[in-house]
Amino acid sequence: MIRSTSIVPFGRQCRVFFLGIGKIVWIAWMCAPGMLAAGEWRGRVERVLDGDTLRVERAKGVEKIRLAGVDTPEHGQPFAEEARTYAVRLVEKRLVWVREKERDRFGRLVAWVTPEGGEELGLSLVRAGLAWRHQYFSDDHQLKRLEQSARSRRIGLWSDPQPTPPWVWKQTHPRRE
């Protein structure tokens, strides 16, 4: 009796092989730190200073980062400590992806910070009712929707009938040097 064996044609084997190699090369290219888009990098959050300011360790040293598009209550304002504690729980001592936007007038890097496998930190803070979408520096529609949702549910700082945004609060409470 003659046994029939299934032999895959050589051309198909090559096509499958090269498709597999192509996927591997693409994944390596997307994940390689040196191949990230300019202004994107990975680091570890050394410390959360307040709800919207972090110290992030990277290959070039430590960066002080101000979250882009959001503003959390200032020290002394209601919900300031809650915002800081929430940020600590999400990112402190963890690996994050940083996407740079610009430098602010204090020399801090303004950026979007996303914990590995998680949601961008500013979005999380606004969703939890612990940050405002910064009206002067963000026209992000997703942040607007999240803020409106937190307001309507009266969660976090929105449980106060008239919460004072940090940019207003700072006008009557100057910085301590």
C-alpha atoms as a PDB file:
ATOM      1  CA  MET A   1       0.000   0.000   0.000  1.00  0.00           C
ATOM      2  CA  ILE A   2       1.331   3.399  -0.941  1.00  0.00           C
ATOM      3  CA  ARG A   3       1.049   6.037   1.753  1.00  0.00           C
ATOM      4  CA  SER A   4       0.155   9.491   0.668  1.00  0.00           C
ATOM      5  CA  THR A   5       1.852  12.305   2.546  1.00  0.00           C
ATOM      6  CA  SER A   6       0.733  15.835   2.458  1.00  0.00           C
ATOM      7  CA  ILE A   7       3.501  18.011   1.155  1.00  0.00           C
ATOM      8  CA  VAL A   8       3.041  21.767   1.237  1.00  0.00           C
ATOM      9  CA  PRO A   9       4.246  23.323  -2.002  1.00  0.00           C
ATOM     10  CA  PHE A  10       7.590  25.127  -1.633  1.00  0.00           C
ATOM     11  CA  GLY A  11       6.125  28.502  -2.647  1.00  0.00           C
ATOM     12  CA  ARG A  12       3.533  28.332   0.116  1.00  0.00           C
ATOM     13  CA  GLN A  13       6.203  27.399   2.678  1.00  0.00           C
ATOM     14  CA  CYS A  14       8.224  30.454   1.684  1.00  0.00           C
ATOM     15  CA  ARG A  15       5.187  32.731   1.850  1.00  0.00           C
ATOM     16  CA  VAL A  16       4.288  31.488   5.356  1.00  0.00           C
ATOM     17  CA  PHE A  17       7.932  31.800   6.463  1.00  0.00           C
ATOM     18  CA  PHE A  18       8.300  35.375   5.208  1.00  0.00           C
ATOM     19  CA  LEU A  19       4.943  36.453   6.638  1.00  0.00           C
ATOM     20  CA  GLY A  20       6.070  35.078  10.012  1.00  0.00           C
ATOM     21  CA  ILE A  21       9.441  36.833   9.788  1.00  0.00           C
ATOM     22  CA  GLY A  22       7.707  40.040   8.707  1.00  0.00           C
ATOM     23  CA  LYS A  23       5.519  39.987  11.805  1.00  0.00           C
ATOM     24  CA  ILE A  24       8.530  39.428  14.054  1.00  0.00           C
ATOM     25  CA  VAL A  25      10.463  42.285  12.446  1.00  0.00           C
ATOM     26  CA  TRP A  26       7.431  44.608  12.727  1.00  0.00           C
ATOM     27  CA  ILE A  27       6.905  43.772  16.424  1.00  0.00           C
ATOM     28  CA  ALA A  28      10.619  44.261  17.176  1.00  0.00           C
ATOM     29  CA  TRP A  29      10.608  47.594  15.332  1.00  0.00           C
ATOM     30  CA  MET A  30       7.525  48.812  17.227  1.00  0.00           C
ATOM     31  CA  CYS A  31       8.928  47.775  20.604  1.00  0.00           C
ATOM     32  CA  ALA A  32      12.582  48.746  20.215  1.00  0.00           C
ATOM     33  CA  PRO A  33      13.337  51.753  22.459  1.00  0.00           C
ATOM     34  CA  GLY A  34      15.643  53.276  19.864  1.00  0.00           C
ATOM     35  CA  MET A  35      12.937  53.094  17.234  1.00  0.00           C
ATOM     36  CA  LEU A  36      10.231  55.045  19.064  1.00  0.00           C
ATOM     37  CA  ALA A  37       8.947  58.248  17.528  1.00  0.00           C
ATOM     38  CA  ALA A  38      10.821  61.370  18.569  1.00  0.00           C
ATOM     39  CA  GLY A  39       9.633  62.495  21.968  1.00  0.00           C
ATOM     40  CA  GLU A  40       8.431  59.058  23.098  1.00  0.00           C
ATOM     41  CA  TRP A  41      10.264  57.029  25.690  1.00  0.00           C
ATOM     42  CA  ARG A  42       9.869  54.605  28.543  1.00  0.00           C
ATOM     43  CA  GLY A  43      10.765  55.268  32.166  1.00  0.00           C
ATOM     44  CA  ARG A  44       9.987  54.413  35.771  1.00  0.00           C
ATOM     45  CA  VAL A  45       8.074  56.822  38.001  1.00  0.00           C
ATOM     46  CA  GLU A  46      10.429  57.609  40.853  1.00  0.00           C
ATOM     47  CA  ARG A  47       7.940  59.758  42.756  1.00  0.00           C
ATOM     48  CA  VAL A  48       4.540  61.405  42.432  1.00  0.00           C
ATOM     49  CA  LEU A  49       4.971  64.993  43.665  1.00  0.00           C
ATOM     50  CA  ASP A  50       1.305  65.948  43.397  1.00  0.00           C
ATOM     51  CA  GLY A  51      -1.622  64.785  41.303  1.00  0.00           C
ATOM     52  CA  ASP A  52      -0.268  66.178  38.036  1.00  0.00           C
ATOM     53  CA  THR A  53       3.512  66.323  38.588  1.00  0.00           C
ATOM     54  CA  LEU A  54       5.863  63.331  38.563  1.00  0.00           C
ATOM     55  CA  ARG A  55       9.564  62.548  38.656  1.00  0.00           C
ATOM     56  CA  VAL A  56      10.349  59.920  36.026  1.00  0.00           C
ATOM     57  CA  GLU A  57      13.653  58.082  35.742  1.00  0.00           C
ATOM     58  CA  ARG A  58      14.949  57.471  32.232  1.00  0.00           C
ATOM     59  CA  ALA A  59      18.242  56.563  30.570  1.00  0.00           C
ATOM     60  CA  LYS A  60      19.274  60.264  30.390  1.00  0.00           C
ATOM     61  CA  GLY A  61      18.485  60.957  34.063  1.00  0.00           C
ATOM     62  CA  VAL A  62      15.382  62.073  35.916  1.00  0.00           C
ATOM     63  CA  GLU A  63      12.704  64.283  34.335  1.00  0.00           C
ATOM     64  CA  LYS A  64      10.175  66.375  36.220  1.00  0.00           C
ATOM     65  CA  ILE A  65       6.952  65.904  34.262  1.00  0.00           C
ATOM     66  CA  ARG A  66       3.739  67.934  34.315  1.00  0.00           C
ATOM     67  CA  LEU A  67       0.772  65.993  32.922  1.00  0.00           C
ATOM     68  CA  ALA A  68      -0.497  67.457  29.660  1.00  0.00           C
ATOM     69  CA  GLY A  69      -4.038  68.810  29.418  1.00  0.00           C
ATOM     70  CA  VAL A  70      -5.142  68.367  33.033  1.00  0.00           C
ATOM     71  CA  ASP A  71      -4.885  70.228  36.327  1.00  0.00           C
ATOM     72  CA  THR A  72      -5.354  68.669  39.758  1.00  0.00           C
ATOM     73  CA  PRO A  73      -6.123  70.566  42.962  1.00  0.00           C
ATOM     74  CA  GLU A  74      -3.176  72.413  44.510  1.00  0.00           C
ATOM     75  CA  HIS A  75      -1.723  71.617  47.938  1.00  0.00           C
ATOM     76  CA  GLY A  76      -4.214  73.049  50.442  1.00  0.00           C
ATOM     77  CA  GLN A  77      -7.217  72.660  48.140  1.00  0.00           C
ATOM     78  CA  PRO A  78      -9.893  70.036  48.721  1.00  0.00           C
ATOM     79  CA  PHE A  79      -9.095  66.748  46.946  1.00  0.00           C
ATOM     80  CA  ALA A  80      -5.399  67.581  46.422  1.00  0.00           C
ATOM     81  CA  GLU A  81      -4.260  64.660  48.575  1.00  0.00           C
ATOM     82  CA  GLU A  82      -6.838  62.319  47.018  1.00  0.00           C
ATOM     83  CA  ALA A  83      -5.541  63.170  43.528  1.00  0.00           C
ATOM     84  CA  ARG A  84      -1.939  62.566  44.617  1.00  0.00           C
ATOM     85  CA  THR A  85      -2.813  59.264  46.323  1.00  0.00           C
ATOM     86  CA  TYR A  86      -4.723  58.115  43.236  1.00  0.00           C
ATOM     87  CA  ALA A  87      -1.745  58.910  40.982  1.00  0.00           C
ATOM     88  CA  VAL A  88       0.624  57.117  43.391  1.00  0.00           C
ATOM     89  CA  ARG A  89      -1.557  54.020  43.238  1.00  0.00           C
ATOM     90  CA  LEU A  90      -1.576  54.034  39.421  1.00  0.00           C
ATOM     91  CA  VAL A  91       2.036  54.907  38.538  1.00  0.00           C
ATOM     92  CA  GLU A  92       4.548  55.305  41.389  1.00  0.00           C
ATOM     93  CA  LYS A  93       7.507  52.888  41.050  1.00  0.00           C
ATOM     94  CA  ARG A  94       6.010  51.547  37.805  1.00  0.00           C
ATOM     95  CA  LEU A  95       7.108  51.544  34.187  1.00  0.00           C
ATOM     96  CA  VAL A  96       5.370  54.152  32.046  1.00  0.00           C
ATOM     97  CA  TRP A  97       5.393  55.370  28.472  1.00  0.00           C
ATOM     98  CA  VAL A  98       5.980  59.100  28.095  1.00  0.00           C
ATOM     99  CA  ARG A  99       4.900  61.106  25.045  1.00  0.00           C
ATOM    100  CA  GLU A 100       6.409  64.587  25.177  1.00  0.00           C
ATOM    101  CA  LYS A 101       4.476  67.730  24.292  1.00  0.00           C
ATOM    102  CA  GLU A 102       6.658  70.701  25.318  1.00  0.00           C
ATOM    103  CA  ARG A 103       8.520  72.392  28.186  1.00  0.00           C
ATOM    104  CA  ASP A 104       6.619  74.781  30.428  1.00  0.00           C
ATOM    105  CA  ARG A 105       7.873  78.101  31.815  1.00  0.00           C
ATOM    106  CA  PHE A 106       9.238  76.286  34.893  1.00  0.00           C
ATOM    107  CA  GLY A 107      11.352  73.935  32.742  1.00  0.00           C
ATOM    108  CA  ARG A 108       9.171  70.904  33.414  1.00  0.00           C
ATOM    109  CA  LEU A 109       8.468  68.499  30.593  1.00  0.00           C
ATOM    110  CA  VAL A 110       4.763  68.602  29.725  1.00  0.00           C
ATOM    111  CA  ALA A 111       3.768  65.115  28.576  1.00  0.00           C
ATOM    112  CA  TRP A 112       1.191  62.355  28.457  1.00  0.00           C
ATOM    113  CA  VAL A 113       2.129  59.509  30.830  1.00  0.00           C
ATOM    114  CA  THR A 114       0.681  56.032  30.413  1.00  0.00           C
ATOM    115  CA  PRO A 115       1.391  53.119  32.755  1.00  0.00           C
ATOM    116  CA  GLU A 116       2.179  49.864  30.956  1.00  0.00           C
ATOM    117  CA  GLY A 117      -1.090  48.129  30.203  1.00  0.00           C
ATOM    118  CA  GLY A 118      -3.145  51.034  31.523  1.00  0.00           C
ATOM    119  CA  GLU A 119      -4.917  54.244  30.599  1.00  0.00           C
ATOM    120  CA  GLU A 120      -3.141  57.583  30.214  1.00  0.00           C
ATOM    121  CA  LEU A 121      -2.861  59.083  33.727  1.00  0.00           C
ATOM    122  CA  GLY A 122      -4.576  62.406  32.935  1.00  0.00           C
ATOM    123  CA  LEU A 123      -7.607  60.588  31.522  1.00  0.00           C
ATOM    124  CA  SER A 124      -7.776  58.395  34.641  1.00  0.00           C
ATOM    125  CA  LEU A 125      -7.641  61.413  36.964  1.00  0.00           C
ATOM    126  CA  VAL A 126     -10.391  63.258  35.092  1.00  0.00           C
ATOM    127  CA  ARG A 127     -12.530  60.093  34.888  1.00  0.00           C
ATOM    128  CA  ALA A 128     -12.224  59.688  38.697  1.00  0.00           C
ATOM    129  CA  GLY A 129     -13.267  63.310  39.269  1.00  0.00           C
ATOM    130  CA  LEU A 130      -9.834  64.262  40.620  1.00  0.00           C
ATOM    131  CA  ALA A 131      -8.706  66.676  37.893  1.00  0.00           C
ATOM    132  CA  TRP A 132     -10.010  69.351  35.580  1.00  0.00           C
ATOM    133  CA  ARG A 133      -9.409  69.391  31.869  1.00  0.00           C
ATOM    134  CA  HIS A 134      -7.178  72.445  31.682  1.00  0.00           C
ATOM    135  CA  GLN A 135      -9.344  74.988  29.892  1.00  0.00           C
ATOM    136  CA  TYR A 136      -6.366  76.997  28.567  1.00  0.00           C
ATOM    137  CA  PHE A 137      -4.120  74.150  27.466  1.00  0.00           C
ATOM    138  CA  SER A 138      -6.429  71.399  26.220  1.00  0.00           C
ATOM    139  CA  ASP A 139      -9.237  71.107  23.736  1.00  0.00           C
ATOM    140  CA  ASP A 140      -9.211  67.299  23.960  1.00  0.00           C
ATOM    141  CA  HIS A 141     -12.781  66.121  23.371  1.00  0.00           C
ATOM    142  CA  GLN A 142     -12.291  62.899  25.313  1.00  0.00           C
ATOM    143  CA  LEU A 143     -11.166  64.873  28.379  1.00  0.00           C
ATOM    144  CA  LYS A 144     -14.196  67.159  27.971  1.00  0.00           C
ATOM    145  CA  ARG A 145     -16.562  64.155  27.911  1.00  0.00           C
ATOM    146  CA  LEU A 146     -14.887  62.515  30.916  1.00  0.00           C
ATOM    147  CA  GLU A 147     -15.031  65.737  32.926  1.00  0.00           C
ATOM    148  CA  GLN A 148     -18.690  66.223  32.079  1.00  0.00           C
ATOM    149  CA  SER A 149     -19.426  62.644  33.128  1.00  0.00           C
ATOM    150  CA  ALA A 150     -17.621  63.079  36.473  1.00  0.00           C
ATOM    151  CA  ARG A 151     -19.501  66.367  37.041  1.00  0.00           C
ATOM    152  CA  SER A 152     -22.882  64.821  36.336  1.00  0.00           C
ATOM    153  CA  ARG A 153     -22.117  61.888  38.670  1.00  0.00           C
ATOM    154  CA  ARG A 154     -20.830  64.348  41.321  1.00  0.00           C
ATOM    155  CA  ILE A 155     -17.748  62.289  42.058  1.00  0.00           C
ATOM    156  CA  GLY A 156     -14.451  63.463  43.519  1.00  0.00           C
ATOM    157  CA  LEU A 157     -13.992  67.216  43.439  1.00  0.00           C
ATOM    158  CA  TRP A 158     -17.366  67.519  41.691  1.00  0.00           C
ATOM    159  CA  SER A 159     -19.080  66.484  44.948  1.00  0.00           C
ATOM    160  CA  ASP A 160     -18.401  70.101  46.010  1.00  0.00           C
ATOM    161  CA  PRO A 161     -21.206  72.292  44.594  1.00  0.00           C
ATOM    162  CA  GLN A 162     -18.684  74.928  43.439  1.00  0.00           C
ATOM    163  CA  PRO A 163     -15.151  73.514  43.198  1.00  0.00           C
ATOM    164  CA  THR A 164     -12.455  76.115  42.545  1.00  0.00           C
ATOM    165  CA  PRO A 165     -10.163  75.302  39.613  1.00  0.00           C
ATOM    166  CA  PRO A 166      -6.447  75.440  40.499  1.00  0.00           C
ATOM    167  CA  TRP A 167      -5.736  78.246  38.007  1.00  0.00           C
ATOM    168  CA  VAL A 168      -8.289  80.407  39.891  1.00  0.00           C
ATOM    169  CA  TRP A 169      -7.219  79.231  43.369  1.00  0.00           C
ATOM    170  CA  LYS A 170      -3.548  80.146  42.652  1.00  0.00           C
ATOM    171  CA  GLN A 171      -4.531  83.791  42.087  1.00  0.00           C
ATOM    172  CA  THR A 172      -5.536  84.121  45.744  1.00  0.00           C
ATOM    173  CA  HIS A 173      -2.973  81.690  47.177  1.00  0.00           C
ATOM    174  CA  PRO A 174       0.509  82.646  45.915  1.00  0.00           C
ATOM    175  CA  ARG A 175       3.225  80.027  45.784  1.00  0.00           C
ATOM    176  CA  ARG A 176       5.472  79.564  48.792  1.00  0.00           C
ATOM    177  CA  GLU A 177       9.121  79.866  47.753  1.00  0.00           C
END
